[in-house]
C-alpha cells in the first residue's frame, strides 16, 4: 500500500514567529503566526492554483528550502 502524501509543514522562524502550510483537496493554506494566541495572517488558494505557481514565492521566502518541493509533490498526489 502506498504511503499517504504529507499534508502539513511547520517552520519556526523565531520564538514568536512561525509558518504553517496545509494542503488538501479543498486547497492550500499558509498561515503566519506572529504571537501565540492571536489570529494568524492567512493566504490561501485552490490546489490547481498552487500547482500553477500560487503561494510559491511566499513559501520560498518564509519556510526552509525543501518545503516547496515536498509540498508540490504531495499536491500532485492529492490532485
C-alpha atoms as a PDB file:
ATOM      1  CA  UNK A   1       0.000   0.000   0.000  1.00  0.00           C
ATOM      2  CA  UNK A   2       1.348   3.443  -0.952  1.00  0.00           C
ATOM      3  CA  UNK A   3       2.158   5.897   1.780  1.00  0.00           C
ATOM      4  CA  UNK A   4      -0.233   8.844   2.094  1.00  0.00           C
ATOM      5  CA  UNK A   5       1.264  12.163   0.982  1.00  0.00           C
ATOM      6  CA  UNK A   6       2.365  14.607   3.648  1.00  0.00           C
ATOM      7  CA  UNK A   7      -0.191  17.399   4.078  1.00  0.00           C
ATOM      8  CA  UNK A   8       1.288  19.812   6.621  1.00  0.00           C
ATOM      9  CA  UNK A   9       4.557  21.572   7.408  1.00  0.00           C
ATOM     10  CA  UNK A  10       5.502  23.927  10.237  1.00  0.00           C
ATOM     11  CA  UNK A  11       8.502  26.216  10.184  1.00  0.00           C
ATOM     12  CA  UNK A  12       9.668  28.206  13.186  1.00  0.00           C
ATOM     13  CA  UNK A  13      11.396  31.462  12.176  1.00  0.00           C
ATOM     14  CA  UNK A  14      11.837  32.811  15.678  1.00  0.00           C
ATOM     15  CA  UNK A  15      10.486  32.474  19.204  1.00  0.00           C
ATOM     16  CA  UNK A  16       7.129  34.060  18.307  1.00  0.00           C
ATOM     17  CA  UNK A  17       7.176  33.832  14.507  1.00  0.00           C
ATOM     18  CA  UNK A  18       6.151  30.688  12.652  1.00  0.00           C
ATOM     19  CA  UNK A  19       4.558  29.472   9.437  1.00  0.00           C
ATOM     20  CA  UNK A  20       2.198  26.565   8.880  1.00  0.00           C
ATOM     21  CA  UNK A  21       1.408  25.133   5.439  1.00  0.00           C
ATOM     22  CA  UNK A  22      -1.513  22.754   4.887  1.00  0.00           C
ATOM     23  CA  UNK A  23      -2.569  21.028   1.672  1.00  0.00           C
ATOM     24  CA  UNK A  24      -5.844  19.232   0.982  1.00  0.00           C
ATOM     25  CA  UNK A  25      -8.186  18.565  -1.940  1.00  0.00           C
ATOM     26  CA  UNK A  26     -10.051  21.715  -0.892  1.00  0.00           C
ATOM     27  CA  UNK A  27      -6.969  23.897  -1.308  1.00  0.00           C
ATOM     28  CA  UNK A  28      -3.732  25.191   0.148  1.00  0.00           C
ATOM     29  CA  UNK A  29      -3.424  27.399   3.212  1.00  0.00           C
ATOM     30  CA  UNK A  30      -0.345  29.211   4.502  1.00  0.00           C
ATOM     31  CA  UNK A  31      -0.660  30.708   7.993  1.00  0.00           C
ATOM     32  CA  UNK A  32       1.810  33.140   9.520  1.00  0.00           C
ATOM     33  CA  UNK A  33       1.799  33.419  13.306  1.00  0.00           C
ATOM     34  CA  UNK A  34       3.460  36.423  14.962  1.00  0.00           C
ATOM     35  CA  UNK A  35       2.233  35.892  18.503  1.00  0.00           C
ATOM     36  CA  UNK A  36       0.768  32.752  20.114  1.00  0.00           C
ATOM     37  CA  UNK A  37      -2.915  33.131  20.869  1.00  0.00           C
ATOM     38  CA  UNK A  38      -3.520  35.778  18.203  1.00  0.00           C
ATOM     39  CA  UNK A  39      -5.114  35.284  14.822  1.00  0.00           C
ATOM     40  CA  UNK A  40      -2.608  34.375  12.089  1.00  0.00           C
ATOM     41  CA  UNK A  41      -2.229  36.049   8.710  1.00  0.00           C
ATOM     42  CA  UNK A  42      -3.701  33.583   6.219  1.00  0.00           C
ATOM     43  CA  UNK A  43      -3.000  33.166   2.499  1.00  0.00           C
ATOM     44  CA  UNK A  44      -4.907  30.528   0.581  1.00  0.00           C
ATOM     45  CA  UNK A  45      -5.567  29.249  -2.910  1.00  0.00           C
ATOM     46  CA  UNK A  46      -7.074  26.301  -4.725  1.00  0.00           C
ATOM     47  CA  UNK A  47      -4.995  23.174  -5.275  1.00  0.00           C
ATOM     48  CA  UNK A  48      -4.944  23.894  -9.040  1.00  0.00           C
ATOM     49  CA  UNK A  49      -3.685  27.447  -8.462  1.00  0.00           C
ATOM     50  CA  UNK A  50      -0.971  26.145  -6.140  1.00  0.00           C
ATOM     51  CA  UNK A  51       0.203  23.677  -8.771  1.00  0.00           C
ATOM     52  CA  UNK A  52       0.264  26.580 -11.258  1.00  0.00           C
ATOM     53  CA  UNK A  53       2.503  28.737  -9.029  1.00  0.00           C
ATOM     54  CA  UNK A  54       0.332  30.473  -6.445  1.00  0.00           C
ATOM     55  CA  UNK A  55       1.941  30.904  -2.973  1.00  0.00           C
ATOM     56  CA  UNK A  56       5.323  29.620  -4.227  1.00  0.00           C
ATOM     57  CA  UNK A  57       7.138  32.914  -3.588  1.00  0.00           C
ATOM     58  CA  UNK A  58       5.707  33.206  -0.073  1.00  0.00           C
ATOM     59  CA  UNK A  59       6.680  29.638   0.799  1.00  0.00           C
ATOM     60  CA  UNK A  60      10.203  30.025  -0.596  1.00  0.00           C
ATOM     61  CA  UNK A  61      10.740  33.304   1.256  1.00  0.00           C
ATOM     62  CA  UNK A  62       9.398  32.162   4.615  1.00  0.00           C
ATOM     63  CA  UNK A  63       9.949  28.419   5.034  1.00  0.00           C
ATOM     64  CA  UNK A  64      13.017  26.206   4.723  1.00  0.00           C
ATOM     65  CA  UNK A  65      14.297  25.336   1.252  1.00  0.00           C
ATOM     66  CA  UNK A  66      12.863  21.828   0.907  1.00  0.00           C
ATOM     67  CA  UNK A  67       9.266  22.645   1.783  1.00  0.00           C
ATOM     68  CA  UNK A  68       8.076  23.868  -1.628  1.00  0.00           C
ATOM     69  CA  UNK A  69       9.369  20.805  -3.470  1.00  0.00           C
ATOM     70  CA  UNK A  70       7.817  18.427  -0.932  1.00  0.00           C
ATOM     71  CA  UNK A  71       4.551  20.365  -0.950  1.00  0.00           C
ATOM     72  CA  UNK A  72       4.327  20.284  -4.753  1.00  0.00           C
ATOM     73  CA  UNK A  73       4.986  16.547  -4.801  1.00  0.00           C
ATOM     74  CA  UNK A  74       2.244  15.999  -2.232  1.00  0.00           C
ATOM     75  CA  UNK A  75      -0.170  18.296  -4.087  1.00  0.00           C
ATOM     76  CA  UNK A  76       0.334  16.319  -7.308  1.00  0.00           C
ATOM     77  CA  UNK A  77      -0.529  13.098  -5.451  1.00  0.00           C
ATOM     78  CA  UNK A  78      -3.611  14.646  -3.864  1.00  0.00           C
ATOM     79  CA  UNK A  79      -4.898  16.261  -7.090  1.00  0.00           C
END
